[in-house]
């Protein structure tokens, strides 16, 4: 038996032990955090996550020669927006304190949070290309040269090459780093004037009807709101709140997900400590929320969203059929790539994505199709059996909708015919006029 005077001390020690466990000292560390976030960071996924070196093969076809190339390239990994940088500095340190005091994490994870500080302090650093982003584009340029071999002139000449980027630092430096990889050195490239509202590279900036009726309209993302109010997300909120040690709302959880993504994307062989708050189920839910929002705003949610991309593809056919520079490389943004994919009919499911489709298998996964440095390249070949076209996405050949399923190569005339009606009726200015009521705009595109 213990002496009576010792019992309060024993009870106190027991209570401290329990509190210590609750605070994470006896918690199990997250198993394989890399696997939890790998290829699941939505549009902030680094390109290295989706790159499969074993699938990258030379694009040499017997009896064919490359005559034209037209490519869209999303800029590489960048910094967050000013708003996110500000919240990283204002909100996350408070959440970090809660984690250190009450969080249910293991010692190793708590130690990482102890050392964590926001990496960016100045909102003026928003959206700048980071070193990883520069590397992504330079390596894509190198692989491009390796696969096309001597089909591309080794030395830059403005009669052969046309490079253009939007009026943003991240797009400009992505273009310059791609060219370094392509030519193996820095060339004195002649770039045309960069435009913030470029009719080819950022056509949606000129489409007021889309911008006001869809992009800026809360009703356009009502499905996203329904998902964030669903049982699935309430379970995620409850689970993460327990790990943090205090209640955190959906907006804070989304900030933590963004920080997990950016900090993981910035540095190779590194996983942000903020990723340790998520398990496979919660990452799956957050990724679906991102997919759903991009589906509605930049994908198949509304016909106007992708129909306006006809402006870009009008340029493709003009360059493939005309006497302009044969090798065209455009450096742009997520919004352009996603609308272009939807215009082509790629990654389209046989159902309209809604908040109820969380458990359904889907093709529309922005982590896979719109990671940093995503690229979409058309190559025209002159072959013994006529002109052919090949499409690559993320450097891998894919089937072109409207072309025969049994071949990745598509007869160029058939390819043109598949898109001729949408190109010939591409009345961009008319479709983008503010002449349709908001309620009419939001009827689903079936």
Protein backbone atom coordinates (compact mmCIF):
# COMPACT_ATOMS: atom_id res chain seq x y z
CA UNK A 1 0.00 0.00 0.00
CA UNK A 2 1.12 3.56 -0.75
CA UNK A 3 1.23 6.11 2.10
CA UNK A 4 -1.85 8.34 2.09
CA UNK A 5 0.29 11.47 1.49
CA UNK A 6 1.74 9.91 -1.70
CA UNK A 7 -1.63 9.31 -3.40
CA UNK A 8 -2.15 12.93 -4.61
CA UNK A 9 1.37 12.89 -6.08
CA UNK A 10 0.69 9.59 -7.86
CA UNK A 11 -2.60 10.94 -9.24
CA UNK A 12 -0.83 14.10 -10.42
CA UNK A 13 1.85 12.08 -12.21
CA UNK A 14 -0.82 9.91 -13.81
CA UNK A 15 -2.66 13.02 -15.03
CA UNK A 16 0.55 14.45 -16.47
CA UNK A 17 1.22 11.18 -18.29
CA UNK A 18 -2.26 11.25 -19.82
CA UNK A 19 -1.85 14.87 -20.88
CA UNK A 20 1.55 14.04 -22.35
CA UNK A 21 -0.03 11.30 -24.46
CA UNK A 22 -2.83 13.57 -25.61
CA UNK A 23 -0.23 16.18 -26.61
CA UNK A 24 1.34 13.67 -28.90
CA UNK A 25 4.28 12.27 -26.95
CA UNK A 26 2.91 8.72 -27.25
CA UNK A 27 1.36 9.14 -30.69
CA UNK A 28 2.45 7.09 -33.66
CA UNK A 29 4.26 8.96 -36.41
CA UNK A 30 2.56 9.24 -39.79
CA UNK A 31 3.58 6.24 -41.85
CA UNK A 32 5.12 7.11 -45.22
CA UNK A 33 3.96 10.75 -45.40
CA UNK A 34 5.48 10.92 -48.88
CA UNK A 35 3.00 8.35 -50.19
CA UNK A 36 0.06 10.19 -48.65
CA UNK A 37 0.68 13.41 -50.61
CA UNK A 38 2.40 11.97 -53.71
CA UNK A 39 0.43 13.01 -56.83
CA UNK A 40 -2.38 14.41 -54.65
CA UNK A 41 -1.58 18.10 -54.28
CA UNK A 42 -4.02 19.31 -56.96
CA UNK A 43 -2.70 22.14 -59.18
CA UNK A 44 0.21 22.64 -56.75
CA UNK A 45 1.58 19.17 -57.45
CA UNK A 46 5.25 19.38 -58.52
CA UNK A 47 5.99 17.99 -61.96
CA UNK A 48 8.41 15.41 -60.57
CA UNK A 49 5.48 13.65 -58.89
CA UNK A 50 3.76 12.88 -62.20
CA UNK A 51 6.84 12.28 -64.36
CA UNK A 52 7.35 8.66 -65.42
CA UNK A 53 10.77 8.36 -66.99
CA UNK A 54 10.10 4.84 -68.26
CA UNK A 55 7.29 6.19 -70.48
CA UNK A 56 9.38 8.90 -72.14
CA UNK A 57 10.56 7.60 -75.49
CA UNK A 58 12.09 9.22 -78.61
CA UNK A 59 9.43 10.45 -81.02
CA UNK A 60 11.06 8.96 -84.11
CA UNK A 61 8.62 7.41 -86.54
CA UNK A 62 9.80 5.40 -89.55
CA UNK A 63 8.88 7.03 -92.83
CA UNK A 64 8.00 10.32 -91.13
CA UNK A 65 9.68 13.65 -90.46
CA UNK A 66 8.64 16.37 -88.04
CA UNK A 67 7.32 19.42 -89.89
CA UNK A 68 5.51 21.41 -87.18
CA UNK A 69 5.31 21.59 -83.38
CA UNK A 70 2.83 23.63 -81.30
CA UNK A 71 2.95 23.45 -77.52
CA UNK A 72 1.28 24.95 -74.46
CA UNK A 73 3.37 24.89 -71.27
CA UNK A 74 2.18 25.85 -67.83
CA UNK A 75 4.77 27.77 -65.81
CA UNK A 76 6.78 25.81 -63.24
CA UNK A 77 6.47 25.68 -59.46
CA UNK A 78 5.90 29.13 -57.98
CA UNK A 79 5.22 31.01 -54.76
CA UNK A 80 1.64 31.36 -53.45
CA UNK A 81 -0.56 34.41 -53.93
CA UNK A 82 -0.12 37.45 -51.67
CA UNK A 83 -3.27 36.51 -49.76
CA UNK A 84 -1.95 33.02 -48.99
CA UNK A 85 1.48 34.39 -48.00
CA UNK A 86 -0.22 36.77 -45.55
CA UNK A 87 -2.28 33.95 -44.04
CA UNK A 88 0.79 31.73 -43.79
CA UNK A 89 2.31 34.45 -41.59
CA UNK A 90 -0.79 35.38 -39.59
CA UNK A 91 -2.82 32.17 -39.16
CA UNK A 92 -0.32 29.32 -39.27
CA UNK A 93 1.89 30.41 -36.34
CA UNK A 94 -1.23 30.39 -34.12
CA UNK A 95 -2.19 26.92 -35.32
CA UNK A 96 1.42 25.82 -34.80
CA UNK A 97 1.24 26.96 -31.16
CA UNK A 98 -1.93 24.92 -30.65
CA UNK A 99 -0.22 21.87 -32.15
CA UNK A 100 2.81 22.22 -29.87
CA UNK A 101 0.64 22.64 -26.79
CA UNK A 102 -2.22 20.24 -27.48
CA UNK A 103 -1.57 18.44 -30.76
CA UNK A 104 -1.73 14.67 -31.23
CA UNK A 105 1.47 14.16 -33.18
CA UNK A 106 4.55 12.07 -32.49
CA UNK A 107 7.76 13.54 -31.06
CA UNK A 108 9.49 13.68 -34.44
CA UNK A 109 6.59 15.56 -36.02
CA UNK A 110 6.32 17.95 -33.09
CA UNK A 111 10.04 18.67 -33.41
CA UNK A 112 9.53 19.59 -37.07
CA UNK A 113 6.73 21.97 -36.11
CA UNK A 114 8.95 23.42 -33.38
CA UNK A 115 11.47 24.42 -36.06
CA UNK A 116 8.89 25.50 -38.65
CA UNK A 117 8.71 29.15 -39.70
CA UNK A 118 6.95 30.71 -42.72
CA UNK A 119 9.42 30.74 -45.58
CA UNK A 120 7.96 33.84 -47.22
CA UNK A 121 7.49 37.12 -45.38
CA UNK A 122 6.91 39.60 -48.17
CA UNK A 123 3.60 39.43 -50.10
CA UNK A 124 5.42 41.11 -53.00
CA UNK A 125 7.10 37.75 -53.63
CA UNK A 126 3.75 36.35 -54.70
CA UNK A 127 3.64 33.90 -57.60
CA UNK A 128 7.34 34.22 -58.47
CA UNK A 129 8.94 31.19 -60.11
CA UNK A 130 11.09 29.27 -57.61
CA UNK A 131 14.28 27.27 -58.29
CA UNK A 132 12.31 24.03 -58.56
CA UNK A 133 10.10 25.63 -61.22
CA UNK A 134 13.12 26.75 -63.22
CA UNK A 135 14.55 23.21 -63.00
CA UNK A 136 11.24 21.69 -64.12
CA UNK A 137 11.18 23.70 -67.35
CA UNK A 138 14.89 23.33 -68.09
CA UNK A 139 14.65 19.54 -67.77
CA UNK A 140 11.52 19.44 -69.93
CA UNK A 141 13.48 21.38 -72.57
CA UNK A 142 16.36 18.88 -72.36
CA UNK A 143 14.06 15.89 -72.72
CA UNK A 144 12.29 17.63 -75.60
CA UNK A 145 15.61 17.90 -77.42
CA UNK A 146 16.47 14.27 -76.67
CA UNK A 147 13.17 12.95 -77.98
CA UNK A 148 13.01 15.09 -81.11
CA UNK A 149 16.74 14.68 -81.74
CA UNK A 150 17.77 16.33 -85.02
CA UNK A 151 14.19 17.17 -86.02
CA UNK A 152 14.62 20.55 -84.34
CA UNK A 153 17.31 23.02 -85.42
CA UNK A 154 20.09 23.00 -82.81
CA UNK A 155 20.63 26.77 -82.94
CA UNK A 156 17.92 29.36 -82.37
CA UNK A 157 16.72 31.21 -85.45
CA UNK A 158 13.62 33.40 -85.40
CA UNK A 159 12.60 31.95 -88.76
CA UNK A 160 12.33 28.51 -87.13
CA UNK A 161 11.17 29.20 -83.58
CA UNK A 162 8.38 31.24 -82.05
CA UNK A 163 8.43 31.63 -78.25
CA UNK A 164 5.86 33.65 -76.35
CA UNK A 165 4.89 34.06 -72.68
CA UNK A 166 2.26 35.99 -70.77
CA UNK A 167 3.13 39.20 -68.96
CA UNK A 168 4.11 37.45 -65.72
CA UNK A 169 7.52 36.75 -64.22
CA UNK A 170 6.75 33.05 -63.78
CA UNK A 171 5.79 32.53 -67.43
CA UNK A 172 8.73 34.57 -68.73
CA UNK A 173 11.34 32.71 -66.69
CA UNK A 174 9.70 29.37 -67.51
CA UNK A 175 10.13 30.16 -71.20
CA UNK A 176 13.77 31.18 -70.73
CA UNK A 177 14.63 28.08 -68.71
CA UNK A 178 12.89 25.79 -71.22
CA UNK A 179 14.97 27.37 -74.01
CA UNK A 180 18.20 26.79 -72.04
CA UNK A 181 17.29 23.10 -71.78
CA UNK A 182 16.27 22.92 -75.43
CA UNK A 183 19.42 24.51 -76.86
CA UNK A 184 21.86 23.47 -74.12
CA UNK A 185 22.84 27.09 -73.57
CA UNK A 186 21.37 30.57 -73.25
CA UNK A 187 20.29 31.91 -76.62
CA UNK A 188 19.42 35.49 -77.55
CA UNK A 189 15.77 34.70 -78.24
CA UNK A 190 13.49 37.29 -79.77
CA UNK A 191 10.29 37.36 -77.72
CA UNK A 192 7.24 39.33 -78.87
CA UNK A 193 5.57 41.81 -76.52
CA UNK A 194 4.12 39.99 -73.52
CA UNK A 195 0.43 40.65 -72.81
CA UNK A 196 -1.51 40.26 -69.57
CA UNK A 197 -4.68 39.63 -71.57
CA UNK A 198 -3.27 37.57 -74.40
CA UNK A 199 -5.96 36.40 -76.88
CA UNK A 200 -4.18 33.05 -77.34
CA UNK A 201 -2.31 32.41 -74.10
CA UNK A 202 -4.87 33.86 -71.68
CA UNK A 203 -8.01 34.24 -73.74
CA UNK A 204 -10.27 34.00 -70.69
CA UNK A 205 -8.94 37.34 -69.43
CA UNK A 206 -10.72 38.88 -72.42
CA UNK A 207 -13.99 36.98 -71.89
CA UNK A 208 -16.11 39.23 -69.65
CA UNK A 209 -19.14 36.95 -69.81
CA UNK A 210 -17.11 34.04 -68.42
CA UNK A 211 -15.34 36.19 -65.86
CA UNK A 212 -18.49 37.71 -64.36
CA UNK A 213 -21.06 34.95 -64.89
CA UNK A 214 -18.83 32.03 -63.90
CA UNK A 215 -15.42 32.95 -62.46
CA UNK A 216 -16.74 35.66 -60.11
CA UNK A 217 -20.18 34.18 -59.53
CA UNK A 218 -20.63 32.30 -56.21
CA UNK A 219 -23.53 30.33 -57.70
CA UNK A 220 -21.13 28.73 -60.19
CA UNK A 221 -19.41 26.80 -57.40
CA UNK A 222 -22.47 25.81 -55.38
CA UNK A 223 -21.47 22.15 -55.82
CA UNK A 224 -18.15 22.91 -54.12
CA UNK A 225 -19.96 24.57 -51.22
CA UNK A 226 -22.23 21.54 -50.89
CA UNK A 227 -19.22 19.25 -50.71
CA UNK A 228 -17.51 21.34 -48.02
CA UNK A 229 -20.76 21.12 -46.03
CA UNK A 230 -21.00 17.35 -46.51
CA UNK A 231 -20.59 14.55 -44.00
CA UNK A 232 -17.26 13.64 -45.63
CA UNK A 233 -15.76 17.07 -44.96
CA UNK A 234 -17.23 17.26 -41.46
CA UNK A 235 -15.39 14.04 -40.65
CA UNK A 236 -12.18 15.54 -42.08
CA UNK A 237 -12.63 18.67 -39.95
CA UNK A 238 -13.21 16.56 -36.83
CA UNK A 239 -10.20 14.33 -37.51
CA UNK A 240 -7.77 17.19 -38.18
CA UNK A 241 -9.07 19.25 -35.27
CA UNK A 242 -8.20 16.34 -32.96
CA UNK A 243 -4.69 16.22 -34.39
CA UNK A 244 -4.23 19.97 -34.01
CA UNK A 245 -5.68 19.92 -30.49
CA UNK A 246 -8.34 22.54 -31.08
CA UNK A 247 -11.14 23.17 -33.55
CA UNK A 248 -10.03 24.28 -37.02
CA UNK A 249 -12.51 25.22 -39.72
CA UNK A 250 -12.54 24.18 -43.38
CA UNK A 251 -10.87 27.41 -44.49
CA UNK A 252 -7.92 26.85 -42.13
CA UNK A 253 -7.64 23.22 -43.23
CA UNK A 254 -7.51 24.37 -46.86
CA UNK A 255 -4.69 26.79 -45.93
CA UNK A 256 -2.79 23.93 -44.30
CA UNK A 257 -3.31 21.81 -47.43
CA UNK A 258 -2.00 24.65 -49.61
CA UNK A 259 1.04 25.08 -47.35
CA UNK A 260 1.66 21.33 -47.42
CA UNK A 261 1.55 21.48 -51.22
CA UNK A 262 3.74 24.54 -51.77
CA UNK A 263 6.41 23.58 -49.24
CA UNK A 264 6.56 20.04 -50.62
CA UNK A 265 6.72 21.30 -54.21
CA UNK A 266 9.51 23.78 -53.51
CA UNK A 267 12.12 21.27 -52.41
CA UNK A 268 13.01 17.79 -53.69
CA UNK A 269 12.94 14.91 -51.16
CA UNK A 270 11.05 17.00 -48.63
CA UNK A 271 7.57 16.77 -47.18
CA UNK A 272 6.18 19.80 -45.36
CA UNK A 273 5.31 19.17 -41.68
CA UNK A 274 1.82 20.47 -42.47
CA UNK A 275 1.30 17.32 -44.52
CA UNK A 276 1.56 15.22 -41.34
CA UNK A 277 -1.87 16.45 -40.27
CA UNK A 278 -3.50 14.55 -43.14
CA UNK A 279 -4.12 10.87 -43.70
CA UNK A 280 -5.09 9.22 -46.97
CA UNK A 281 -8.81 9.78 -46.41
CA UNK A 282 -8.51 13.50 -45.65
CA UNK A 283 -6.10 14.13 -48.56
CA UNK A 284 -8.53 12.30 -50.83
CA UNK A 285 -11.35 14.60 -49.71
CA UNK A 286 -9.32 17.80 -50.10
CA UNK A 287 -8.11 16.71 -53.51
CA UNK A 288 -11.70 16.03 -54.59
CA UNK A 289 -12.75 19.51 -53.43
CA UNK A 290 -10.04 21.00 -55.65
CA UNK A 291 -11.02 18.80 -58.59
CA UNK A 292 -14.65 19.84 -58.24
CA UNK A 293 -13.84 23.56 -58.15
CA UNK A 294 -11.54 23.42 -61.18
CA UNK A 295 -14.13 21.30 -62.99
CA UNK A 296 -16.71 24.04 -62.49
CA UNK A 297 -14.53 27.08 -63.14
CA UNK A 298 -11.95 25.87 -65.69
CA UNK A 299 -13.26 22.55 -67.01
CA UNK A 300 -16.49 20.92 -68.09
CA UNK A 301 -18.83 22.66 -65.64
CA UNK A 302 -20.15 25.17 -68.17
CA UNK A 303 -19.90 25.11 -71.95
CA UNK A 304 -18.62 28.68 -72.30
CA UNK A 305 -15.60 27.87 -70.11
CA UNK A 306 -14.01 25.52 -72.62
CA UNK A 307 -15.73 26.75 -75.77
CA UNK A 308 -13.76 30.00 -75.56
CA UNK A 309 -10.50 28.00 -75.97
CA UNK A 310 -11.27 27.92 -79.70
CA UNK A 311 -9.18 31.11 -79.84
CA UNK A 312 -6.03 29.15 -78.98
CA UNK A 313 -6.73 26.26 -81.33
CA UNK A 314 -7.47 28.62 -84.20
CA UNK A 315 -3.83 29.62 -83.82
CA UNK A 316 -2.72 25.98 -83.89
CA UNK A 317 -4.33 25.34 -87.28
CA UNK A 318 -3.10 28.66 -88.65
CA UNK A 319 0.46 27.69 -87.75
CA UNK A 320 0.14 24.10 -88.96
CA UNK A 321 -1.31 25.15 -92.32
CA UNK A 322 0.55 28.42 -92.94
CA UNK A 323 4.05 29.65 -93.57
CA UNK A 324 4.74 30.88 -90.05
CA UNK A 325 7.57 29.60 -87.82
CA UNK A 326 7.32 25.79 -87.69
CA UNK A 327 8.15 25.38 -83.99
CA UNK A 328 5.86 27.26 -81.60
CA UNK A 329 6.19 27.23 -77.80
CA UNK A 330 3.72 29.09 -75.58
CA UNK A 331 4.19 29.59 -71.82
CA UNK A 332 1.02 30.18 -69.91
CA UNK A 333 -1.11 29.21 -66.90
CA UNK A 334 -3.32 26.57 -65.31
CA UNK A 335 -6.51 28.21 -66.57
CA UNK A 336 -5.37 27.93 -70.18
CA UNK A 337 -4.23 24.30 -69.91
CA UNK A 338 -7.44 23.08 -68.26
CA UNK A 339 -9.72 24.87 -70.71
CA UNK A 340 -7.64 23.51 -73.59
CA UNK A 341 -7.94 19.95 -72.27
CA UNK A 342 -11.71 20.35 -71.97
CA UNK A 343 -11.98 21.88 -75.45
CA UNK A 344 -10.26 18.76 -76.83
CA UNK A 345 -12.58 16.47 -74.85
CA UNK A 346 -9.78 14.94 -72.77
CA UNK A 347 -10.31 13.42 -69.32
CA UNK A 348 -14.06 13.80 -69.63
CA UNK A 349 -16.14 11.41 -67.56
CA UNK A 350 -19.51 10.11 -68.71
CA UNK A 351 -21.18 11.98 -65.85
CA UNK A 352 -21.29 15.58 -64.69
CA UNK A 353 -19.15 15.89 -61.58
CA UNK A 354 -21.09 16.95 -58.47
CA UNK A 355 -20.55 16.93 -54.70
CA UNK A 356 -22.15 13.46 -54.59
CA UNK A 357 -19.42 11.87 -56.72
CA UNK A 358 -16.67 11.74 -54.11
CA UNK A 359 -16.44 7.94 -54.18
CA UNK A 360 -16.78 7.55 -57.97
CA UNK A 361 -13.78 6.84 -60.15
CA UNK A 362 -13.07 9.83 -62.35
CA UNK A 363 -10.66 10.92 -65.05
CA UNK A 364 -10.75 14.59 -64.05
CA UNK A 365 -7.91 14.74 -61.50
CA UNK A 366 -6.02 18.02 -61.58
CA UNK A 367 -3.10 16.55 -59.61
CA UNK A 368 -2.41 14.41 -62.69
CA UNK A 369 -3.52 16.64 -65.56
CA UNK A 370 -2.58 20.13 -64.34
CA UNK A 371 0.49 19.89 -62.09
CA UNK A 372 3.06 22.67 -62.19
CA UNK A 373 4.83 22.70 -65.60
CA UNK A 374 2.04 20.70 -67.28
CA UNK A 375 2.36 20.65 -71.05
CA UNK A 376 0.26 19.87 -74.10
CA UNK A 377 2.15 19.47 -77.40
CA UNK A 378 0.92 18.75 -80.94
CA UNK A 379 3.44 17.47 -83.49
CA UNK A 380 2.72 17.35 -87.20
CA UNK A 381 4.57 14.73 -89.25
CA UNK A 382 4.95 14.41 -93.00
CA UNK A 383 4.84 10.67 -93.65
CA UNK A 384 4.82 8.40 -96.67
CA UNK A 385 1.07 7.94 -96.15
CA UNK A 386 0.37 11.68 -95.75
CA UNK A 387 0.34 14.20 -92.92
CA UNK A 388 -0.16 12.83 -89.40
CA UNK A 389 -0.51 14.48 -86.00
CA UNK A 390 0.57 13.26 -82.56
CA UNK A 391 -0.56 14.72 -79.23
CA UNK A 392 1.46 14.45 -76.02
CA UNK A 393 0.29 15.48 -72.56
CA UNK A 394 2.88 15.57 -69.78
CA UNK A 395 5.34 14.38 -72.46
CA UNK A 396 3.43 11.13 -73.07
CA UNK A 397 1.52 10.35 -76.29
CA UNK A 398 -2.25 10.21 -75.78
CA UNK A 399 -5.25 9.49 -77.97
CA UNK A 400 -6.85 12.47 -79.71
CA UNK A 401 -10.65 12.47 -79.29
CA UNK A 402 -12.36 12.06 -82.67
CA UNK A 403 -9.48 10.02 -84.10
CA UNK A 404 -9.28 6.19 -84.44
CA UNK A 405 -8.84 4.49 -81.06
CA UNK A 406 -6.32 1.94 -82.33
CA UNK A 407 -3.60 4.49 -83.13
CA UNK A 408 -1.94 7.41 -81.38
CA UNK A 409 -1.16 8.95 -84.76
CA UNK A 410 -4.11 10.67 -86.43
CA UNK A 411 -4.50 11.59 -90.08
CA UNK A 412 -4.14 15.36 -90.16
CA UNK A 413 -7.18 15.91 -92.39
CA UNK A 414 -9.32 13.81 -90.04
CA UNK A 415 -7.93 15.75 -87.09
CA UNK A 416 -8.87 19.04 -88.75
CA UNK A 417 -12.30 17.74 -89.66
CA UNK A 418 -12.97 16.72 -86.04
CA UNK A 419 -12.51 20.31 -84.87
CA UNK A 420 -13.47 22.20 -88.02
CA UNK A 421 -16.97 23.22 -86.93
CA UNK A 422 -15.79 24.65 -83.58
CA UNK A 423 -12.88 26.46 -85.22
CA UNK A 424 -14.91 27.86 -88.12
CA UNK A 425 -17.64 29.10 -85.78
CA UNK A 426 -15.20 30.51 -83.21
CA UNK A 427 -16.93 33.86 -82.65
CA UNK A 428 -14.93 34.68 -79.52
CA UNK A 429 -16.05 38.28 -79.09
CA UNK A 430 -19.71 37.39 -79.58
CA UNK A 431 -19.69 34.48 -77.13
CA UNK A 432 -17.96 36.62 -74.51
CA UNK A 433 -20.34 39.58 -74.62
CA UNK A 434 -22.35 40.22 -71.46
CA UNK A 435 -25.66 39.55 -73.18
CA UNK A 436 -26.86 36.47 -71.29
CA UNK A 437 -28.45 36.63 -67.80
CA UNK A 438 -26.53 34.90 -65.03
CA UNK A 439 -29.29 32.38 -64.35
CA UNK A 440 -29.29 31.26 -67.97
CA UNK A 441 -25.50 30.91 -67.94
CA UNK A 442 -25.57 28.44 -65.09
CA UNK A 443 -27.70 25.77 -66.67
CA UNK A 444 -25.54 22.62 -66.63
CA UNK A 445 -23.81 21.62 -69.84
CA UNK A 446 -25.17 18.12 -70.41
